[in-house]
Amino acid sequence: MSTPATGQELGAFLRAHRELLQPADVGLTATARRRTPGLRREEVASLSGVGLAWYTWLEQGRVTASRQVLEAVARALRLDPAGLRHAMRLAGYHEPVPADTDRAAAERLAGAVRPVLDSWPASPAALLDRHFDLLAWNAAWSALWGSPEHVPADRRNLMWLLAVDHRLREVLHDWEPLAMNVFQHFRAQAGPALADPRTGELYRRLDTDAPELRHWWGCHSVAELTARTVLADPPGLGPVRLTLSSFHPVDDPSALVVLFTPATPADAARMTELTAAQEAGGPELLAAGAGR
């Protein structure tokens, strides 16, 4: 179950979503002028079938909710599946992974999935754990974004790379919508920072290393990671359009494989050229070739 600290985080999450809703969103008629944004607490309480005092205490982190009651509150607040999952995690309704098995399990999973990643020579792909730490990646990923091996292990994380790594931000056009979507999914997937040491550590790293994005780390929005087409422009190669997709490995549904597939045969040819140049001696060969 939730601790007082995570109970306050759950309350803040529910309050943020309550303030985003308007009466018309839930079938109510707005009457008098409202002094506060969104729905009133009494409206959410009525829609959820709970008492006003109890719902107030829930937002204040003073009470715990059963799964059934939290589901009712989530329906009243129109939470999507990612939002409901995040609320459940904040309330303590998830199965924690024993810390002493994390490393061995991660190594086994990486060994099983790495051949799959390597089977996509023109498609950057990586395996992430539930904290979005990179467990394995293929040559195309290193060629386009840079090898995660050069990043300290405690920062070898997709959210950290999107927020801080200058090469990735320079190569990726319009990085912000993708980075925000990854962060929203990270929030839904990783669980509460106060109850999970690695999640808390990542938030501290992000706060220290990307202070200009500090307003992101306090955001309460969550979302699924959605498919999209992105434009990358590695030096000396020309623009490459890639379609992002993701799936969960059968061996560990909490992990995630992210895959950037070239959108056209021409994009695939450019990615093949980039990967070959990286393996032959580095991207400087491409720059030399572009100058001829």
C-alpha atoms as a PDB file:
ATOM      1  CA  MET A   1       0.000   0.000   0.000  1.00  0.00           C
ATOM      2  CA  SER A   2       1.007   3.628  -0.367  1.00  0.00           C
ATOM      3  CA  THR A   3       3.129   5.424   2.209  1.00  0.00           C
ATOM      4  CA  PRO A   4       2.247   8.954   3.435  1.00  0.00           C
ATOM      5  CA  ALA A   5       4.745  10.377   0.926  1.00  0.00           C
ATOM      6  CA  THR A   6       3.407   8.444  -2.068  1.00  0.00           C
ATOM      7  CA  GLY A   7      -0.128   9.146  -0.851  1.00  0.00           C
ATOM      8  CA  GLN A   8       0.619  12.845  -1.245  1.00  0.00           C
ATOM      9  CA  GLU A   9       1.998  12.188  -4.727  1.00  0.00           C
ATOM     10  CA  LEU A  10      -1.202  10.312  -5.629  1.00  0.00           C
ATOM     11  CA  GLY A  11      -3.270  13.199  -4.260  1.00  0.00           C
ATOM     12  CA  ALA A  12      -1.341  15.713  -6.358  1.00  0.00           C
ATOM     13  CA  PHE A  13      -1.831  13.520  -9.435  1.00  0.00           C
ATOM     14  CA  LEU A  14      -5.602  13.270  -8.885  1.00  0.00           C
ATOM     15  CA  ARG A  15      -5.899  16.985  -8.159  1.00  0.00           C
ATOM     16  CA  ALA A  16      -4.011  17.877 -11.347  1.00  0.00           C
ATOM     17  CA  HIS A  17      -6.417  15.807 -13.434  1.00  0.00           C
ATOM     18  CA  ARG A  18      -9.467  17.163 -11.592  1.00  0.00           C
ATOM     19  CA  GLU A  19      -8.380  20.704 -12.421  1.00  0.00           C
ATOM     20  CA  LEU A  20      -8.102  19.818 -16.122  1.00  0.00           C
ATOM     21  CA  LEU A  21     -11.735  18.716 -16.408  1.00  0.00           C
ATOM     22  CA  GLN A  22     -14.736  20.940 -17.078  1.00  0.00           C
ATOM     23  CA  PRO A  23     -18.305  20.091 -16.001  1.00  0.00           C
ATOM     24  CA  ALA A  24     -19.304  19.440 -19.604  1.00  0.00           C
ATOM     25  CA  ASP A  25     -16.564  16.809 -19.867  1.00  0.00           C
ATOM     26  CA  VAL A  26     -18.396  14.615 -17.344  1.00  0.00           C
ATOM     27  CA  GLY A  27     -21.977  15.444 -18.300  1.00  0.00           C
ATOM     28  CA  LEU A  28     -22.566  18.200 -15.727  1.00  0.00           C
ATOM     29  CA  THR A  29     -24.003  21.637 -16.343  1.00  0.00           C
ATOM     30  CA  ALA A  30     -21.902  24.581 -15.220  1.00  0.00           C
ATOM     31  CA  THR A  31     -24.049  26.970 -13.194  1.00  0.00           C
ATOM     32  CA  ALA A  32     -22.346  29.591 -11.061  1.00  0.00           C
ATOM     33  CA  ARG A  33     -19.032  31.222 -11.824  1.00  0.00           C
ATOM     34  CA  ARG A  34     -16.155  29.061 -10.604  1.00  0.00           C
ATOM     35  CA  ARG A  35     -13.325  30.460  -8.543  1.00  0.00           C
ATOM     36  CA  THR A  36     -11.075  27.428  -9.080  1.00  0.00           C
ATOM     37  CA  PRO A  37     -10.161  25.619 -12.323  1.00  0.00           C
ATOM     38  CA  GLY A  38     -11.731  22.314 -13.293  1.00  0.00           C
ATOM     39  CA  LEU A  39     -14.201  20.234 -11.336  1.00  0.00           C
ATOM     40  CA  ARG A  40     -14.983  20.777  -7.687  1.00  0.00           C
ATOM     41  CA  ARG A  41     -14.047  18.084  -5.198  1.00  0.00           C
ATOM     42  CA  GLU A  42     -17.689  17.480  -4.353  1.00  0.00           C
ATOM     43  CA  GLU A  43     -18.423  16.788  -8.024  1.00  0.00           C
ATOM     44  CA  VAL A  44     -15.666  14.176  -8.265  1.00  0.00           C
ATOM     45  CA  ALA A  45     -16.796  12.646  -4.979  1.00  0.00           C
ATOM     46  CA  SER A  46     -20.388  12.395  -6.217  1.00  0.00           C
ATOM     47  CA  LEU A  47     -19.352  10.892  -9.560  1.00  0.00           C
ATOM     48  CA  SER A  48     -17.125   8.378  -7.747  1.00  0.00           C
ATOM     49  CA  GLY A  49     -19.739   7.393  -5.169  1.00  0.00           C
ATOM     50  CA  VAL A  50     -17.630   8.426  -2.163  1.00  0.00           C
ATOM     51  CA  GLY A  51     -18.029  11.064   0.530  1.00  0.00           C
ATOM     52  CA  LEU A  52     -16.707  14.577   0.063  1.00  0.00           C
ATOM     53  CA  ALA A  53     -14.626  14.466   3.253  1.00  0.00           C
ATOM     54  CA  TRP A  54     -13.061  11.136   2.284  1.00  0.00           C
ATOM     55  CA  TYR A  55     -12.210  12.334  -1.253  1.00  0.00           C
ATOM     56  CA  THR A  56     -10.700  15.515   0.206  1.00  0.00           C
ATOM     57  CA  TRP A  57      -8.521  13.387   2.478  1.00  0.00           C
ATOM     58  CA  LEU A  58      -7.528  11.234  -0.539  1.00  0.00           C
ATOM     59  CA  GLU A  59      -6.225  14.315  -2.373  1.00  0.00           C
ATOM     60  CA  GLN A  60      -4.431  15.347   0.805  1.00  0.00           C
ATOM     61  CA  GLY A  61      -2.731  11.940   1.097  1.00  0.00           C
ATOM     62  CA  ARG A  62      -4.400  11.185   4.432  1.00  0.00           C
ATOM     63  CA  VAL A  63      -6.297   8.001   3.456  1.00  0.00           C
ATOM     64  CA  THR A  64      -5.723   4.953   1.264  1.00  0.00           C
ATOM     65  CA  ALA A  65      -8.131   3.698  -1.360  1.00  0.00           C
ATOM     66  CA  SER A  66      -9.018   0.172  -2.402  1.00  0.00           C
ATOM     67  CA  ARG A  67      -8.534  -0.847  -6.013  1.00  0.00           C
ATOM     68  CA  GLN A  68     -12.277  -0.669  -6.623  1.00  0.00           C
ATOM     69  CA  VAL A  69     -12.647   2.826  -5.171  1.00  0.00           C
ATOM     70  CA  LEU A  70      -9.558   4.099  -7.009  1.00  0.00           C
ATOM     71  CA  GLU A  71     -10.959   2.702 -10.262  1.00  0.00           C
ATOM     72  CA  ALA A  72     -14.197   4.602  -9.587  1.00  0.00           C
ATOM     73  CA  VAL A  73     -12.271   7.815  -8.968  1.00  0.00           C
ATOM     74  CA  ALA A  74     -10.248   7.203 -12.156  1.00  0.00           C
ATOM     75  CA  ARG A  75     -13.459   6.813 -14.167  1.00  0.00           C
ATOM     76  CA  ALA A  76     -14.815  10.039 -12.707  1.00  0.00           C
ATOM     77  CA  LEU A  77     -11.608  11.838 -13.674  1.00  0.00           C
ATOM     78  CA  ARG A  78     -11.646  10.271 -17.168  1.00  0.00           C
ATOM     79  CA  LEU A  79      -8.170   8.789 -16.735  1.00  0.00           C
ATOM     80  CA  ASP A  80      -6.904   6.806 -19.703  1.00  0.00           C
ATOM     81  CA  PRO A  81      -5.268   3.376 -19.195  1.00  0.00           C
ATOM     82  CA  ALA A  82      -1.842   4.940 -18.631  1.00  0.00           C
ATOM     83  CA  GLY A  83      -3.271   7.320 -16.052  1.00  0.00           C
ATOM     84  CA  LEU A  84      -5.102   4.519 -14.239  1.00  0.00           C
ATOM     85  CA  ARG A  85      -1.964   2.372 -14.170  1.00  0.00           C
ATOM     86  CA  HIS A  86       0.058   5.279 -12.785  1.00  0.00           C
ATOM     87  CA  ALA A  87      -2.551   5.993 -10.093  1.00  0.00           C
ATOM     88  CA  MET A  88      -2.520   2.326  -9.093  1.00  0.00           C
ATOM     89  CA  ARG A  89       1.264   2.363  -8.817  1.00  0.00           C
ATOM     90  CA  LEU A  90       1.165   5.491  -6.680  1.00  0.00           C
ATOM     91  CA  ALA A  91      -1.382   3.770  -4.433  1.00  0.00           C
ATOM     92  CA  GLY A  92       0.958   0.791  -4.050  1.00  0.00           C
ATOM     93  CA  TYR A  93      -0.931  -1.683  -6.212  1.00  0.00           C
ATOM     94  CA  HIS A  94       1.932  -3.230  -8.133  1.00  0.00           C
ATOM     95  CA  GLU A  95       4.326  -6.101  -7.604  1.00  0.00           C
ATOM     96  CA  PRO A  96       7.825  -4.797  -6.818  1.00  0.00           C
ATOM     97  CA  VAL A  97      10.755  -6.659  -8.339  1.00  0.00           C
ATOM     98  CA  PRO A  98      13.189  -7.969  -5.697  1.00  0.00           C
ATOM     99  CA  ALA A  99      16.319  -5.800  -5.912  1.00  0.00           C
ATOM    100  CA  ASP A 100      18.738  -8.712  -5.605  1.00  0.00           C
ATOM    101  CA  THR A 101      17.409 -10.306  -8.804  1.00  0.00           C
ATOM    102  CA  ASP A 102      17.320  -7.144 -10.937  1.00  0.00           C
ATOM    103  CA  ARG A 103      20.863  -7.345 -12.330  1.00  0.00           C
ATOM    104  CA  ALA A 104      20.834 -11.058 -13.166  1.00  0.00           C
ATOM    105  CA  ALA A 105      17.375 -10.823 -14.725  1.00  0.00           C
ATOM    106  CA  ALA A 106      18.411  -7.805 -16.791  1.00  0.00           C
ATOM    107  CA  GLU A 107      21.489  -9.604 -18.108  1.00  0.00           C
ATOM    108  CA  ARG A 108      19.451 -12.665 -19.057  1.00  0.00           C
ATOM    109  CA  LEU A 109      16.863 -10.523 -20.813  1.00  0.00           C
ATOM    110  CA  ALA A 110      19.520  -8.538 -22.684  1.00  0.00           C
ATOM    111  CA  GLY A 111      21.166 -11.754 -23.845  1.00  0.00           C
ATOM    112  CA  ALA A 112      17.853 -13.085 -25.129  1.00  0.00           C
ATOM    113  CA  VAL A 113      16.790  -9.891 -26.922  1.00  0.00           C
ATOM    114  CA  ARG A 114      20.140  -8.724 -28.346  1.00  0.00           C
ATOM    115  CA  PRO A 115      19.978 -11.107 -31.369  1.00  0.00           C
ATOM    116  CA  VAL A 116      16.560  -9.650 -32.189  1.00  0.00           C
ATOM    117  CA  LEU A 117      17.953  -6.116 -32.110  1.00  0.00           C
ATOM    118  CA  ASP A 118      20.904  -7.149 -34.285  1.00  0.00           C
ATOM    119  CA  SER A 119      18.509  -8.579 -36.880  1.00  0.00           C
ATOM    120  CA  TRP A 120      17.543  -4.995 -37.795  1.00  0.00           C
ATOM    121  CA  PRO A 121      20.801  -3.671 -39.299  1.00  0.00           C
ATOM    122  CA  ALA A 122      19.159  -0.535 -40.747  1.00  0.00           C
ATOM    123  CA  SER A 123      16.754   0.162 -37.865  1.00  0.00           C
ATOM    124  CA  PRO A 124      18.013   1.706 -34.615  1.00  0.00           C
ATOM    125  CA  ALA A 125      16.642  -0.404 -31.766  1.00  0.00           C
ATOM    126  CA  ALA A 126      17.207  -0.686 -28.014  1.00  0.00           C
ATOM    127  CA  LEU A 127      15.942  -2.698 -25.082  1.00  0.00           C
ATOM    128  CA  LEU A 128      14.814  -0.701 -22.024  1.00  0.00           C
ATOM    129  CA  ASP A 129      13.913  -1.882 -18.555  1.00  0.00           C
ATOM    130  CA  ARG A 130      10.913  -0.459 -16.708  1.00  0.00           C
ATOM    131  CA  HIS A 131      12.987   2.571 -15.661  1.00  0.00           C
ATOM    132  CA  PHE A 132      13.969   3.160 -19.327  1.00  0.00           C
ATOM    133  CA  ASP A 133      17.575   2.210 -18.583  1.00  0.00           C
ATOM    134  CA  LEU A 134      19.212   0.860 -21.747  1.00  0.00           C
ATOM    135  CA  LEU A 135      20.027  -2.843 -21.397  1.00  0.00           C
ATOM    136  CA  ALA A 136      21.007  -3.579 -25.028  1.00  0.00           C
ATOM    137  CA  TRP A 137      21.124  -1.812 -28.394  1.00  0.00           C
ATOM    138  CA  ASN A 138      22.165  -2.551 -31.962  1.00  0.00           C
ATOM    139  CA  ALA A 139      24.813  -1.087 -34.266  1.00  0.00           C
ATOM    140  CA  ALA A 140      22.290   1.148 -36.048  1.00  0.00           C
ATOM    141  CA  TRP A 141      21.364   2.750 -32.720  1.00  0.00           C
ATOM    142  CA  SER A 142      25.029   3.532 -31.961  1.00  0.00           C
ATOM    143  CA  ALA A 143      25.608   4.836 -35.482  1.00  0.00           C
ATOM    144  CA  LEU A 144      22.690   7.286 -35.341  1.00  0.00           C
ATOM    145  CA  TRP A 145      22.494   8.387 -31.700  1.00  0.00           C
ATOM    146  CA  GLY A 146      25.963   7.530 -30.406  1.00  0.00           C
ATOM    147  CA  SER A 147      26.964   4.469 -28.414  1.00  0.00           C
ATOM    148  CA  PRO A 148      25.448   4.283 -24.897  1.00  0.00           C
ATOM    149  CA  GLU A 149      28.723   2.659 -23.814  1.00  0.00           C
ATOM    150  CA  HIS A 150      30.222   6.160 -23.659  1.00  0.00           C
ATOM    151  CA  VAL A 151      27.557   7.303 -21.162  1.00  0.00           C
ATOM    152  CA  PRO A 152      28.085   6.620 -17.424  1.00  0.00           C
ATOM    153  CA  ALA A 153      26.026   3.627 -16.320  1.00  0.00           C
ATOM    154  CA  ASP A 154      23.882   5.644 -13.904  1.00  0.00           C
ATOM    155  CA  ARG A 155      22.888   7.946 -16.780  1.00  0.00           C
ATOM    156  CA  ARG A 156      22.493   5.277 -19.476  1.00  0.00           C
ATOM    157  CA  ASN A 157      18.773   5.970 -19.664  1.00  0.00           C
ATOM    158  CA  LEU A 158      16.557   6.975 -22.586  1.00  0.00           C
ATOM    159  CA  MET A 159      14.892   9.809 -20.685  1.00  0.00           C
ATOM    160  CA  TRP A 160      18.277  11.194 -19.613  1.00  0.00           C
ATOM    161  CA  LEU A 161      19.664  10.899 -23.166  1.00  0.00           C
ATOM    162  CA  LEU A 162      16.701  12.745 -24.683  1.00  0.00           C
ATOM    163  CA  ALA A 163      16.938  15.504 -22.097  1.00  0.00           C
ATOM    164  CA  VAL A 164      20.702  15.947 -21.851  1.00  0.00           C
ATOM    165  CA  ASP A 165      22.646  14.309 -24.708  1.00  0.00           C
ATOM    166  CA  HIS A 166      23.564  17.088 -27.146  1.00  0.00           C
ATOM    167  CA  ARG A 167      24.321  14.777 -30.074  1.00  0.00           C
ATOM    168  CA  LEU A 168      20.909  13.162 -29.902  1.00  0.00           C
ATOM    169  CA  ARG A 169      19.159  16.536 -29.694  1.00  0.00           C
ATOM    170  CA  GLU A 170      21.199  17.878 -32.621  1.00  0.00           C
ATOM    171  CA  VAL A 171      20.496  14.851 -34.830  1.00  0.00           C
ATOM    172  CA  LEU A 172      16.797  14.581 -33.978  1.00  0.00           C
ATOM    173  CA  HIS A 173      14.551  17.259 -35.476  1.00  0.00           C
ATOM    174  CA  ASP A 174      11.690  18.402 -33.232  1.00  0.00           C
ATOM    175  CA  TRP A 175      13.011  16.330 -30.336  1.00  0.00           C
ATOM    176  CA  GLU A 176      10.671  17.915 -27.791  1.00  0.00           C
ATOM    177  CA  PRO A 177       7.367  16.150 -28.717  1.00  0.00           C
ATOM    178  CA  LEU A 178       9.113  12.773 -28.681  1.00  0.00           C
ATOM    179  CA  ALA A 179      10.988  13.552 -25.462  1.00  0.00           C
ATOM    180  CA  MET A 180       7.775  14.664 -23.729  1.00  0.00           C
ATOM    181  CA  ASN A 181       5.927  11.529 -24.844  1.00  0.00           C
ATOM    182  CA  VAL A 182       8.798   9.340 -23.605  1.00  0.00           C
ATOM    183  CA  PHE A 183       8.735  11.169 -20.274  1.00  0.00           C
ATOM    184  CA  GLN A 184       4.954  10.769 -19.945  1.00  0.00           C
ATOM    185  CA  HIS A 185       5.301   7.040 -20.587  1.00  0.00           C
ATOM    186  CA  PHE A 186       8.261   6.879 -18.207  1.00  0.00           C
ATOM    187  CA  ARG A 187       6.089   8.375 -15.445  1.00  0.00           C
ATOM    188  CA  ALA A 188       3.376   5.796 -16.111  1.00  0.00           C
ATOM    189  CA  GLN A 189       5.824   2.890 -16.298  1.00  0.00           C
ATOM    190  CA  ALA A 190       8.456   3.575 -13.650  1.00  0.00           C
ATOM    191  CA  GLY A 191       6.230   4.096 -10.634  1.00  0.00           C
ATOM    192  CA  PRO A 192       6.423   6.631  -7.786  1.00  0.00           C
ATOM    193  CA  ALA A 193       9.797   8.269  -7.195  1.00  0.00           C
ATOM    194  CA  LEU A 194       9.429   8.190  -3.423  1.00  0.00           C
ATOM    195  CA  ALA A 195       8.858   4.428  -3.355  1.00  0.00           C
ATOM    196  CA  ASP A 196      11.382   3.349  -6.009  1.00  0.00           C
ATOM    197  CA  PRO A 197      15.097   4.126  -5.490  1.00  0.00           C
ATOM    198  CA  ARG A 198      16.051   4.057  -9.174  1.00  0.00           C
ATOM    199  CA  THR A 199      13.137   6.281 -10.201  1.00  0.00           C
ATOM    200  CA  GLY A 200      14.060   8.755  -7.482  1.00  0.00           C
ATOM    201  CA  GLU A 201      17.700   8.697  -8.582  1.00  0.00           C
ATOM    202  CA  LEU A 202      16.730   9.421 -12.196  1.00  0.00           C
ATOM    203  CA  TYR A 203      14.607  12.396 -11.214  1.00  0.00           C
ATOM    204  CA  ARG A 204      17.541  13.786  -9.227  1.00  0.00           C
ATOM    205  CA  ARG A 205      19.897  13.260 -12.189  1.00  0.00           C
ATOM    206  CA  LEU A 206      17.459  14.969 -14.548  1.00  0.00           C
ATOM    207  CA  ASP A 207      16.934  17.860 -12.158  1.00  0.00           C
ATOM    208  CA  THR A 208      20.696  18.365 -11.867  1.00  0.00           C
ATOM    209  CA  ASP A 209      21.698  17.773 -15.493  1.00  0.00           C
ATOM    210  CA  ALA A 210      18.739  19.405 -17.281  1.00  0.00           C
ATOM    211  CA  PRO A 211      17.625  22.292 -15.022  1.00  0.00           C
ATOM    212  CA  GLU A 212      16.044  24.084 -18.014  1.00  0.00           C
ATOM    213  CA  LEU A 213      13.478  21.256 -18.163  1.00  0.00           C
ATOM    214  CA  ARG A 214      12.707  21.326 -14.442  1.00  0.00           C
ATOM    215  CA  HIS A 215       9.063  22.164 -15.180  1.00  0.00           C
ATOM    216  CA  TRP A 216       8.789  18.767 -16.913  1.00  0.00           C
ATOM    217  CA  TRP A 217       9.865  16.773 -13.871  1.00  0.00           C
ATOM    218  CA  GLY A 218       7.047  18.269 -11.774  1.00  0.00           C
ATOM    219  CA  CYS A 219       4.425  17.549 -14.429  1.00  0.00           C
ATOM    220  CA  HIS A 220       1.729  14.997 -13.519  1.00  0.00           C
ATOM    221  CA  SER A 221       0.739  13.970 -17.065  1.00  0.00           C
ATOM    222  CA  VAL A 222       1.151  10.349 -18.186  1.00  0.00           C
ATOM    223  CA  ALA A 223       0.578   8.680 -21.561  1.00  0.00           C
ATOM    224  CA  GLU A 224       1.301   5.615 -23.624  1.00  0.00           C
ATOM    225  CA  LEU A 225       4.276   5.756 -25.977  1.00  0.00           C
ATOM    226  CA  THR A 226       2.674   6.407 -29.358  1.00  0.00           C
ATOM    227  CA  ALA A 227       3.887   5.490 -32.833  1.00  0.00           C
ATOM    228  CA  ARG A 228       5.178   8.454 -34.799  1.00  0.00           C
ATOM    229  CA  THR A 229       7.499   9.384 -37.639  1.00  0.00           C
ATOM    230  CA  VAL A 230      10.574  11.404 -36.721  1.00  0.00           C
ATOM    231  CA  LEU A 231      13.201  13.133 -38.833  1.00  0.00           C
ATOM    232  CA  ALA A 232      16.890  12.597 -38.085  1.00  0.00           C
ATOM    233  CA  ASP A 233      19.731  14.448 -39.792  1.00  0.00           C
ATOM    234  CA  PRO A 234      23.106  12.841 -39.024  1.00  0.00           C
ATOM    235  CA  PRO A 235      26.119  14.873 -40.234  1.00  0.00           C
ATOM    236  CA  GLY A 236      27.314  14.027 -43.725  1.00  0.00           C
ATOM    237  CA  LEU A 237      24.391  11.735 -44.557  1.00  0.00           C
ATOM    238  CA  GLY A 238      21.255  13.776 -45.173  1.00  0.00           C
ATOM    239  CA  PRO A 239      17.836  13.557 -43.545  1.00  0.00           C
ATOM    240  CA  VAL A 240      16.380  10.159 -42.624  1.00  0.00           C
ATOM    241  CA  ARG A 241      12.719   9.566 -41.790  1.00  0.00           C
ATOM    242  CA  LEU A 242      12.141   6.882 -39.153  1.00  0.00           C
ATOM    243  CA  THR A 243       8.928   5.425 -37.772  1.00  0.00           C
ATOM    244  CA  LEU A 244       8.944   4.748 -34.033  1.00  0.00           C
ATOM    245  CA  SER A 245       7.237   1.630 -32.715  1.00  0.00           C
ATOM    246  CA  SER A 246       7.566  -0.288 -29.462  1.00  0.00           C
ATOM    247  CA  PHE A 247       6.658  -3.643 -27.972  1.00  0.00           C
ATOM    248  CA  HIS A 248       7.120  -5.599 -24.764  1.00  0.00           C
ATOM    249  CA  PRO A 249       9.353  -8.712 -24.781  1.00  0.00           C
ATOM    250  CA  VAL A 250       7.518 -11.913 -23.931  1.00  0.00           C
ATOM    251  CA  ASP A 251      10.109 -12.758 -21.254  1.00  0.00           C
ATOM    252  CA  ASP A 252       9.499  -9.502 -19.346  1.00  0.00           C
ATOM    253  CA  PRO A 253       6.357  -7.451 -20.071  1.00  0.00           C
ATOM    254  CA  SER A 254       7.691  -4.606 -17.898  1.00  0.00           C
ATOM    255  CA  ALA A 255      10.595  -4.089 -20.336  1.00  0.00           C
ATOM    256  CA  LEU A 256      10.265  -2.306 -23.664  1.00  0.00           C
ATOM    257  CA  VAL A 257      11.890  -2.528 -27.090  1.00  0.00           C
ATOM    258  CA  VAL A 258      11.916   0.752 -29.024  1.00  0.00           C
ATOM    259  CA  LEU A 259      12.441   0.455 -32.775  1.00  0.00           C
ATOM    260  CA  PHE A 260      13.020   3.210 -35.351  1.00  0.00           C
ATOM    261  CA  THR A 261      12.217   1.732 -38.780  1.00  0.00           C
ATOM    262  CA  PRO A 262      13.269   3.612 -41.953  1.00  0.00           C
ATOM    263  CA  ALA A 263      10.134   5.005 -43.577  1.00  0.00           C
ATOM    264  CA  THR A 264      11.208   4.410 -47.201  1.00  0.00           C
ATOM    265  CA  PRO A 265      13.752   2.300 -49.105  1.00  0.00           C
ATOM    266  CA  ALA A 266      15.855   5.443 -49.558  1.00  0.00           C
ATOM    267  CA  ASP A 267      15.861   6.002 -45.791  1.00  0.00           C
ATOM    268  CA  ALA A 268      16.839   2.364 -45.264  1.00  0.00           C
ATOM    269  CA  ALA A 269      19.740   2.782 -47.705  1.00  0.00           C
ATOM    270  CA  ARG A 270      20.980   5.858 -45.807  1.00  0.00           C
ATOM    271  CA  MET A 271      20.794   4.035 -42.490  1.00  0.00           C
ATOM    272  CA  THR A 272      22.667   1.052 -43.949  1.00  0.00           C
ATOM    273  CA  GLU A 273      25.360   3.434 -45.196  1.00  0.00           C
ATOM    274  CA  LEU A 274      25.592   5.153 -41.822  1.00  0.00           C
ATOM    275  CA  THR A 275      25.878   1.882 -39.904  1.00  0.00           C
ATOM    276  CA  ALA A 276      28.501   0.528 -42.312  1.00  0.00           C
ATOM    277  CA  ALA A 277      30.552   3.731 -41.976  1.00  0.00           C
ATOM    278  CA  GLN A 278      30.344   3.534 -38.179  1.00  0.00           C
ATOM    279  CA  GLU A 279      31.566  -0.064 -38.158  1.00  0.00           C
ATOM    280  CA  ALA A 280      34.321   0.719 -40.686  1.00  0.00           C
ATOM    281  CA  GLY A 281      35.815   3.632 -38.802  1.00  0.00           C
ATOM    282  CA  GLY A 282      33.349   6.237 -37.647  1.00  0.00           C
ATOM    283  CA  PRO A 283      31.015   8.855 -39.097  1.00  0.00           C
ATOM    284  CA  GLU A 284      33.950  10.988 -40.267  1.00  0.00           C
ATOM    285  CA  LEU A 285      34.097   8.708 -43.329  1.00  0.00           C
ATOM    286  CA  LEU A 286      30.659   9.947 -44.305  1.00  0.00           C
ATOM    287  CA  ALA A 287      31.705  13.549 -43.963  1.00  0.00           C
ATOM    288  CA  ALA A 288      34.755  12.856 -46.137  1.00  0.00           C
ATOM    289  CA  GLY A 289      32.583  11.161 -48.718  1.00  0.00           C
ATOM    290  CA  ALA A 290      30.129  14.054 -48.741  1.00  0.00           C
ATOM    291  CA  GLY A 291      32.963  16.460 -49.533  1.00  0.00           C
ATOM    292  CA  ARG A 292      34.103  14.583 -52.622  1.00  0.00           C
END
